Amino acid sequence: MRELKVFGAPGLYVQGPGALRELGRLIAPVGSRALLVSDRIMSGMLAPRIAPLLEAEGIAFAATGFDGDVTHANVDRMVADGTPLAPDVVIAAGGGKGMDAGKAVCRAFGARLVSLPTAASNDGPTSRNFVFYDDHHKLLSVEKLVRNPDLVLVDTDLIIKAPAALLVSGIGDALVKRFEAEQAVGADGPNMFGARATLASLTLAQRCDEVLRADAVAALAAVRSNRPGPEFERVIEACFLLAGLGFEGSGLSIAHAMTRGLSAIPATAATLHGCQVAYALLVQLMLERRPPEFMAEQFAFYRSVGLPVSLRDLGLASAARADLEVIAELSHRAPHTKNFERALTPADFVDAMEQLEAIGLM
């Protein structure tokens, strides 16, 4: 596969206000026994709405939920909950954790996957990737399904009700994709399919950046006022579809490599994924030796949407040298670090973070 170009995508992407009403009709061609997987609260909220939609199409339905992180123990328990149904389709619902949990359960059953995001906190709904954590929120592994979701259903009436902080995270996760894609492609690194990038995936990642720069501030205002408009719809599409297809088909780089290190420090581990990678993108840009004028533009945009520009913003009140070295060492070991224009050392990461802290506190 390494010498081939590969582009993957969901079977169907549906977005708009009231899209949930179409769930039964759209799932019917995919499977006949559907298991809803989400966090316990969201599962309890969604199950009464979903059940009649599926029953109207003759689809058997059950629901399960979890608390905390996506751990092997939580997934094993949800698989046990779903075993009597023997689902042939899993509905992964919620934010990032709901998507990951649903994918893990889906793989265990060998089922088809439907993504039903209720918050735009990351671009997981379109991808086949998911992660496991341990009981201390330390990243254990990044896993993959054999195929992308058969259906991604984005009801923006649900998304608009999610806290604005979750959309800030989603904007952060989407924002990094252009820069990581350009580094991965420039380094001739593998994409998430272990192959070379297509022009389509790189173009989508770059278009994602353009949409966010133009519409992110207005989209956040729409969430805070509960008044959705075209800017909000465009940003949601960018966060899910453009970012998701862009990263999976192009590859990742430093920004996502640093989640290995940032998740190892308690103060930053609890921060939303999109905020982690947004900060890490600034580290990547420092490693790219971007000029001060360019960095100033990034800082201005970050502040306009509320993204972190320093470790202090991520919750690490005092960035001790020892903390930086832990982050640097673990980040340097991550496979995505190889998707960069030059070979790096842990010391390079430390230097970039120290420079960034000095700028961010100005």
Protein backbone atom coordinates (compact mmCIF):
# COMPACT_ATOMS: atom_id res chain seq x y z
CA MET A 1 0.00 0.00 0.00
CA ARG A 2 2.87 2.40 0.70
CA GLU A 3 3.39 3.24 -2.97
CA LEU A 4 -0.31 3.60 -3.68
CA LYS A 5 -2.59 6.58 -3.11
CA VAL A 6 -5.59 5.80 -0.90
CA PHE A 7 -8.57 7.97 0.01
CA GLY A 8 -11.26 6.76 2.41
CA ALA A 9 -14.57 8.33 3.40
CA PRO A 10 -17.92 7.52 5.01
CA GLY A 11 -20.50 5.84 2.83
CA LEU A 12 -22.92 8.73 3.34
CA TYR A 13 -22.66 12.11 5.09
CA VAL A 14 -25.91 13.88 6.00
CA GLN A 15 -25.98 17.29 7.73
CA GLY A 16 -28.63 19.82 8.61
CA PRO A 17 -31.28 20.85 11.14
CA GLY A 18 -33.66 18.00 11.94
CA ALA A 19 -31.50 15.36 10.26
CA LEU A 20 -32.17 12.93 13.12
CA ARG A 21 -35.68 12.38 11.74
CA GLU A 22 -34.11 10.52 8.81
CA LEU A 23 -32.16 8.07 10.98
CA GLY A 24 -34.46 5.08 10.58
CA ARG A 25 -34.76 5.41 6.82
CA LEU A 26 -31.00 5.81 6.43
CA ILE A 27 -30.05 2.93 8.74
CA ALA A 28 -32.46 0.45 7.15
CA PRO A 29 -30.11 -0.38 4.24
CA VAL A 30 -27.19 -0.80 6.67
CA GLY A 31 -28.55 -3.21 9.28
CA SER A 32 -31.58 -4.63 11.08
CA ARG A 33 -30.35 -4.74 14.71
CA ALA A 34 -28.98 -1.45 16.04
CA LEU A 35 -27.14 -0.84 19.31
CA LEU A 36 -26.79 2.73 20.56
CA VAL A 37 -23.46 3.42 22.31
CA SER A 38 -22.74 6.67 24.12
CA ASP A 39 -21.93 8.02 27.55
CA ARG A 40 -24.61 7.06 30.04
CA ILE A 41 -26.31 10.47 30.16
CA MET A 42 -26.42 10.96 26.40
CA SER A 43 -27.58 7.38 25.84
CA GLY A 44 -30.48 7.97 28.21
CA MET A 45 -31.43 11.17 26.40
CA LEU A 46 -31.18 9.82 22.86
CA ALA A 47 -32.63 6.32 23.22
CA PRO A 48 -36.28 7.47 23.60
CA ARG A 49 -35.94 9.61 20.46
CA ILE A 50 -34.17 6.99 18.39
CA ALA A 51 -36.25 3.93 19.32
CA PRO A 52 -39.46 4.92 17.49
CA LEU A 53 -37.51 6.03 14.41
CA LEU A 54 -35.94 2.59 14.11
CA GLU A 55 -39.03 0.63 15.11
CA ALA A 56 -40.93 2.33 12.28
CA GLU A 57 -38.46 0.71 9.88
CA GLY A 58 -38.60 -2.71 11.55
CA ILE A 59 -35.14 -2.33 13.10
CA ALA A 60 -34.54 -3.98 16.50
CA PHE A 61 -32.98 -1.57 18.99
CA ALA A 62 -31.07 -1.55 22.28
CA ALA A 63 -28.92 0.99 24.08
CA THR A 64 -25.94 0.95 26.40
CA GLY A 65 -23.79 3.60 28.03
CA PHE A 66 -20.63 4.18 30.00
CA ASP A 67 -19.06 6.54 32.51
CA GLY A 68 -15.53 7.91 32.42
CA ASP A 69 -13.04 7.09 29.69
CA VAL A 70 -12.99 4.63 26.82
CA THR A 71 -11.20 1.82 28.62
CA HIS A 72 -11.07 -1.87 27.81
CA ALA A 73 -13.19 -2.60 30.88
CA ASN A 74 -15.91 -0.17 29.82
CA VAL A 75 -15.97 -1.54 26.29
CA ASP A 76 -16.13 -5.14 27.51
CA ARG A 77 -19.14 -4.28 29.68
CA MET A 78 -20.97 -2.58 26.80
CA VAL A 79 -20.27 -5.54 24.54
CA ALA A 80 -21.85 -7.76 27.19
CA ASP A 81 -24.87 -5.43 27.30
CA GLY A 82 -25.27 -5.66 23.53
CA THR A 83 -24.69 -9.39 23.12
CA PRO A 84 -28.37 -10.43 23.48
CA LEU A 85 -29.23 -8.17 20.51
CA ALA A 86 -26.27 -9.35 18.39
CA PRO A 87 -26.16 -5.98 16.63
CA ASP A 88 -25.21 -5.73 13.00
CA VAL A 89 -25.01 -1.93 13.23
CA VAL A 90 -23.70 0.24 16.07
CA ILE A 91 -24.78 3.87 16.48
CA ALA A 92 -21.89 5.79 18.06
CA ALA A 93 -23.37 8.94 19.58
CA GLY A 94 -22.13 11.93 21.55
CA GLY A 95 -18.79 13.69 21.47
CA GLY A 96 -15.31 12.27 21.07
CA LYS A 97 -15.64 9.63 23.79
CA GLY A 98 -18.97 8.45 22.42
CA MET A 99 -17.46 8.07 18.96
CA ASP A 100 -14.48 6.12 20.27
CA ALA A 101 -16.62 3.87 22.45
CA GLY A 102 -19.01 3.14 19.61
CA LYS A 103 -16.18 2.25 17.27
CA ALA A 104 -14.62 -0.09 19.83
CA VAL A 105 -17.94 -1.87 20.40
CA CYS A 106 -18.56 -1.95 16.64
CA ARG A 107 -15.26 -3.73 16.07
CA ALA A 108 -16.01 -6.28 18.76
CA PHE A 109 -19.26 -7.25 17.02
CA GLY A 110 -17.93 -6.99 13.48
CA ALA A 111 -20.84 -4.62 12.86
CA ARG A 112 -21.38 -1.62 10.59
CA LEU A 113 -21.00 1.86 12.07
CA VAL A 114 -23.27 4.90 12.15
CA SER A 115 -21.87 8.11 13.65
CA LEU A 116 -24.34 10.43 15.37
CA PRO A 117 -22.36 13.32 16.86
CA THR A 118 -24.09 15.59 19.36
CA ALA A 119 -21.16 17.99 19.71
CA ALA A 120 -18.54 19.20 17.23
CA SER A 121 -15.63 18.73 19.62
CA ASN A 122 -13.41 16.80 17.16
CA ASP A 123 -13.45 15.21 13.71
CA GLY A 124 -13.84 11.63 14.89
CA PRO A 125 -17.31 10.98 13.39
CA THR A 126 -16.08 10.53 9.82
CA SER A 127 -12.96 8.50 10.56
CA ARG A 128 -12.28 4.86 11.35
CA ASN A 129 -9.77 5.69 14.11
CA PHE A 130 -10.44 5.43 17.85
CA VAL A 131 -8.41 5.43 21.04
CA PHE A 132 -8.21 3.53 24.30
CA TYR A 133 -7.23 5.13 27.61
CA ASP A 134 -6.31 3.64 30.96
CA ASP A 135 -8.10 4.45 34.21
CA HIS A 136 -5.84 7.48 34.72
CA HIS A 137 -6.70 9.06 31.34
CA LYS A 138 -3.37 8.05 29.87
CA LEU A 139 -3.49 7.25 26.16
CA LEU A 140 -2.90 3.53 25.66
CA SER A 141 -3.34 2.98 21.93
CA VAL A 142 -4.80 4.27 18.69
CA GLU A 143 -6.90 1.63 16.95
CA LYS A 144 -8.60 1.38 13.55
CA LEU A 145 -11.72 -0.14 12.10
CA VAL A 146 -11.43 -1.91 8.77
CA ARG A 147 -13.65 0.70 7.12
CA ASN A 148 -15.04 4.19 7.64
CA PRO A 149 -18.59 4.67 8.98
CA ASP A 150 -21.39 3.70 6.64
CA LEU A 151 -23.33 6.79 7.72
CA VAL A 152 -22.48 10.05 9.45
CA LEU A 153 -25.66 11.85 10.52
CA VAL A 154 -25.14 15.41 11.76
CA ASP A 155 -28.29 17.01 13.16
CA THR A 156 -27.24 20.62 13.66
CA ASP A 157 -30.27 21.16 15.93
CA LEU A 158 -28.42 18.88 18.38
CA ILE A 159 -24.99 20.40 17.76
CA ILE A 160 -26.15 23.98 18.41
CA LYS A 161 -27.25 22.98 21.93
CA ALA A 162 -23.80 21.74 22.96
CA PRO A 163 -21.61 24.06 25.05
CA ALA A 164 -19.54 26.55 23.07
CA ALA A 165 -16.37 25.15 24.68
CA LEU A 166 -16.90 21.92 22.75
CA LEU A 167 -17.05 23.77 19.44
CA VAL A 168 -13.89 25.67 20.40
CA SER A 169 -12.23 22.27 20.80
CA GLY A 170 -13.59 21.12 17.45
CA ILE A 171 -12.26 24.25 15.78
CA GLY A 172 -8.87 23.55 17.33
CA ASP A 173 -8.84 19.95 16.13
CA ALA A 174 -9.85 21.02 12.62
CA LEU A 175 -7.44 23.94 12.48
CA VAL A 176 -4.36 21.76 12.76
CA LYS A 177 -5.25 19.53 9.81
CA ARG A 178 -3.98 21.78 7.03
CA PHE A 179 -0.56 22.21 8.63
CA GLU A 180 -0.19 18.57 9.57
CA ALA A 181 -1.33 17.48 6.12
CA GLU A 182 1.19 19.75 4.43
CA GLN A 183 4.01 18.40 6.62
CA ALA A 184 2.99 14.77 6.12
CA VAL A 185 2.68 15.16 2.37
CA GLY A 186 5.89 17.17 2.14
CA ALA A 187 7.77 14.47 4.04
CA ASP A 188 6.17 11.77 1.84
CA GLY A 189 4.85 10.21 5.03
CA PRO A 190 2.02 7.69 5.22
CA ASN A 191 -1.56 8.75 5.69
CA MET A 192 -3.94 6.94 8.05
CA PHE A 193 -4.37 4.15 5.51
CA GLY A 194 -0.62 3.49 5.38
CA ALA A 195 -0.50 4.91 1.88
CA ARG A 196 0.27 8.14 0.04
CA ALA A 197 -2.04 11.14 0.07
CA THR A 198 -4.34 12.12 -2.76
CA LEU A 199 -4.73 15.65 -4.04
CA ALA A 200 -8.32 15.50 -2.79
CA SER A 201 -7.39 14.95 0.85
CA LEU A 202 -4.81 17.74 0.91
CA THR A 203 -7.24 20.10 -0.80
CA LEU A 204 -9.92 19.32 1.79
CA ALA A 205 -7.51 20.02 4.67
CA GLN A 206 -6.55 23.35 3.14
CA ARG A 207 -10.17 24.30 2.47
CA CYS A 208 -10.95 23.46 6.10
CA ASP A 209 -8.48 26.10 7.24
CA GLU A 210 -10.04 28.70 4.94
CA VAL A 211 -13.54 28.08 6.28
CA LEU A 212 -12.43 28.30 9.89
CA ARG A 213 -10.56 31.56 9.38
CA ALA A 214 -13.61 33.08 7.70
CA ASP A 215 -16.47 31.74 9.82
CA ALA A 216 -15.31 30.41 13.21
CA VAL A 217 -15.95 33.60 15.18
CA ALA A 218 -19.48 33.92 13.75
CA ALA A 219 -20.17 30.22 14.36
CA LEU A 220 -19.25 30.54 18.03
CA ALA A 221 -21.47 33.60 18.33
CA ALA A 222 -24.31 31.54 16.84
CA VAL A 223 -23.84 28.84 19.48
CA ARG A 224 -23.76 31.35 22.32
CA SER A 225 -26.93 33.06 21.07
CA ASN A 226 -28.60 29.80 19.93
CA ARG A 227 -29.18 31.37 16.52
CA PRO A 228 -27.67 29.09 13.85
CA GLY A 229 -26.87 30.46 10.44
CA PRO A 230 -24.85 29.63 7.34
CA GLU A 231 -21.51 30.32 9.07
CA PHE A 232 -22.38 27.80 11.77
CA GLU A 233 -23.34 25.16 9.19
CA ARG A 234 -20.10 25.73 7.26
CA VAL A 235 -17.94 25.45 10.37
CA ILE A 236 -19.66 22.23 11.45
CA GLU A 237 -19.02 20.77 8.00
CA ALA A 238 -15.39 21.90 8.23
CA CYS A 239 -14.95 20.37 11.69
CA PHE A 240 -16.40 17.02 10.68
CA LEU A 241 -16.14 16.42 6.95
CA LEU A 242 -13.29 18.60 5.68
CA ALA A 243 -11.05 17.98 8.68
CA GLY A 244 -11.90 14.29 8.99
CA LEU A 245 -11.32 13.40 5.36
CA GLY A 246 -8.35 15.76 5.20
CA PHE A 247 -6.39 14.20 8.03
CA GLU A 248 -7.21 10.59 7.31
CA GLY A 249 -6.26 10.86 3.67
CA SER A 250 -3.21 13.11 4.16
CA GLY A 251 -1.65 12.10 7.48
CA LEU A 252 -0.80 13.71 10.80
CA SER A 253 2.32 15.33 12.16
CA ILE A 254 3.66 17.07 15.26
CA ALA A 255 0.39 18.51 16.57
CA HIS A 256 -1.15 15.08 17.07
CA ALA A 257 2.13 13.45 18.07
CA MET A 258 2.16 15.74 21.09
CA THR A 259 -1.03 14.29 22.51
CA ARG A 260 1.17 11.42 23.73
CA GLY A 261 3.14 13.84 25.88
CA LEU A 262 0.35 16.18 26.91
CA SER A 263 -1.81 13.29 28.13
CA ALA A 264 1.00 12.21 30.48
CA ILE A 265 0.91 15.44 32.52
CA PRO A 266 -2.12 15.54 34.87
CA ALA A 267 -2.68 19.27 34.45
CA THR A 268 -2.94 19.05 30.66
CA ALA A 269 -4.34 15.52 30.36
CA ALA A 270 -7.84 16.65 31.32
CA THR A 271 -7.95 19.29 28.58
CA LEU A 272 -10.14 18.63 25.56
CA HIS A 273 -8.34 16.97 22.64
CA GLY A 274 -8.90 19.89 20.28
CA CYS A 275 -7.34 22.33 22.72
CA GLN A 276 -4.34 20.04 23.20
CA VAL A 277 -3.63 19.74 19.49
CA ALA A 278 -4.27 23.45 18.89
CA TYR A 279 -1.54 24.30 21.40
CA ALA A 280 0.66 21.60 19.88
CA LEU A 281 0.18 23.13 16.44
CA LEU A 282 1.84 26.29 17.72
CA VAL A 283 4.77 24.13 18.83
CA GLN A 284 4.84 22.58 15.36
CA LEU A 285 4.87 26.02 13.75
CA MET A 286 7.77 27.02 15.98
CA LEU A 287 9.59 23.88 14.85
CA GLU A 288 8.84 24.89 11.26
CA ARG A 289 10.65 28.17 12.04
CA ARG A 290 7.76 30.31 10.93
CA PRO A 291 8.46 34.08 10.92
CA PRO A 292 7.24 36.27 13.81
CA GLU A 293 4.62 37.95 11.63
CA PHE A 294 3.04 34.59 10.80
CA MET A 295 3.04 33.53 14.45
CA ALA A 296 1.43 36.82 15.44
CA GLU A 297 -1.42 36.09 13.02
CA GLN A 298 -1.92 32.67 14.57
CA PHE A 299 -1.97 34.10 18.08
CA ALA A 300 -4.55 36.68 17.04
CA PHE A 301 -6.83 34.03 15.55
CA TYR A 302 -6.41 31.72 18.54
CA ARG A 303 -7.40 34.48 20.91
CA SER A 304 -10.40 35.43 18.78
CA VAL A 305 -11.89 31.96 19.23
CA GLY A 306 -10.54 31.15 22.71
CA LEU A 307 -7.89 28.56 21.86
CA PRO A 308 -4.85 28.09 24.15
CA VAL A 309 -1.57 29.75 23.25
CA SER A 310 0.50 28.42 26.16
CA LEU A 311 0.74 25.52 28.57
CA ARG A 312 -0.66 27.85 31.20
CA ASP A 313 -3.80 28.13 29.08
CA LEU A 314 -3.94 24.32 29.03
CA GLY A 315 -3.95 24.22 32.82
CA LEU A 316 -0.24 23.86 33.61
CA ALA A 317 0.21 26.91 35.83
CA SER A 318 3.98 26.59 36.06
CA ALA A 319 5.73 24.74 33.24
CA ALA A 320 8.72 23.20 35.00
CA ARG A 321 11.61 21.96 32.88
CA ALA A 322 10.89 18.41 34.03
CA ASP A 323 7.33 18.64 32.70
CA LEU A 324 8.56 19.90 29.35
CA GLU A 325 11.04 17.05 29.12
CA VAL A 326 8.33 14.44 29.79
CA ILE A 327 6.07 15.98 27.14
CA ALA A 328 8.97 16.20 24.70
CA GLU A 329 10.22 12.66 25.19
CA LEU A 330 6.82 11.02 24.76
CA SER A 331 5.87 13.26 21.84
CA HIS A 332 9.14 12.51 20.09
CA ARG A 333 8.42 8.77 20.27
CA ALA A 334 5.04 9.11 18.55
CA PRO A 335 4.97 7.77 14.97
CA HIS A 336 3.51 10.99 13.55
CA THR A 337 6.72 12.85 14.49
CA LYS A 338 8.34 11.26 11.44
CA ASN A 339 5.89 13.13 9.20
CA PHE A 340 7.96 16.29 9.37
CA GLU A 341 10.35 18.20 7.17
CA ARG A 342 13.40 17.21 9.23
CA ALA A 343 14.43 14.82 11.98
CA LEU A 344 13.75 16.16 15.47
CA THR A 345 15.10 15.47 18.94
CA PRO A 346 13.33 15.80 22.31
CA ALA A 347 15.46 18.90 22.90
CA ASP A 348 13.88 20.51 19.84
CA PHE A 349 10.46 20.07 21.41
CA VAL A 350 11.61 21.56 24.71
CA ASP A 351 13.16 24.57 22.99
CA ALA A 352 10.00 25.19 20.95
CA MET A 353 7.77 24.95 24.02
CA GLU A 354 10.00 27.32 26.00
CA GLN A 355 9.93 29.86 23.19
CA LEU A 356 6.18 29.52 22.92
CA GLU A 357 5.69 30.02 26.66
CA ALA A 358 7.73 33.20 26.51
CA ILE A 359 5.60 34.54 23.66
CA GLY A 360 2.30 33.36 25.10
CA LEU A 361 2.84 35.11 28.41
CA MET A 362 3.67 38.44 26.80
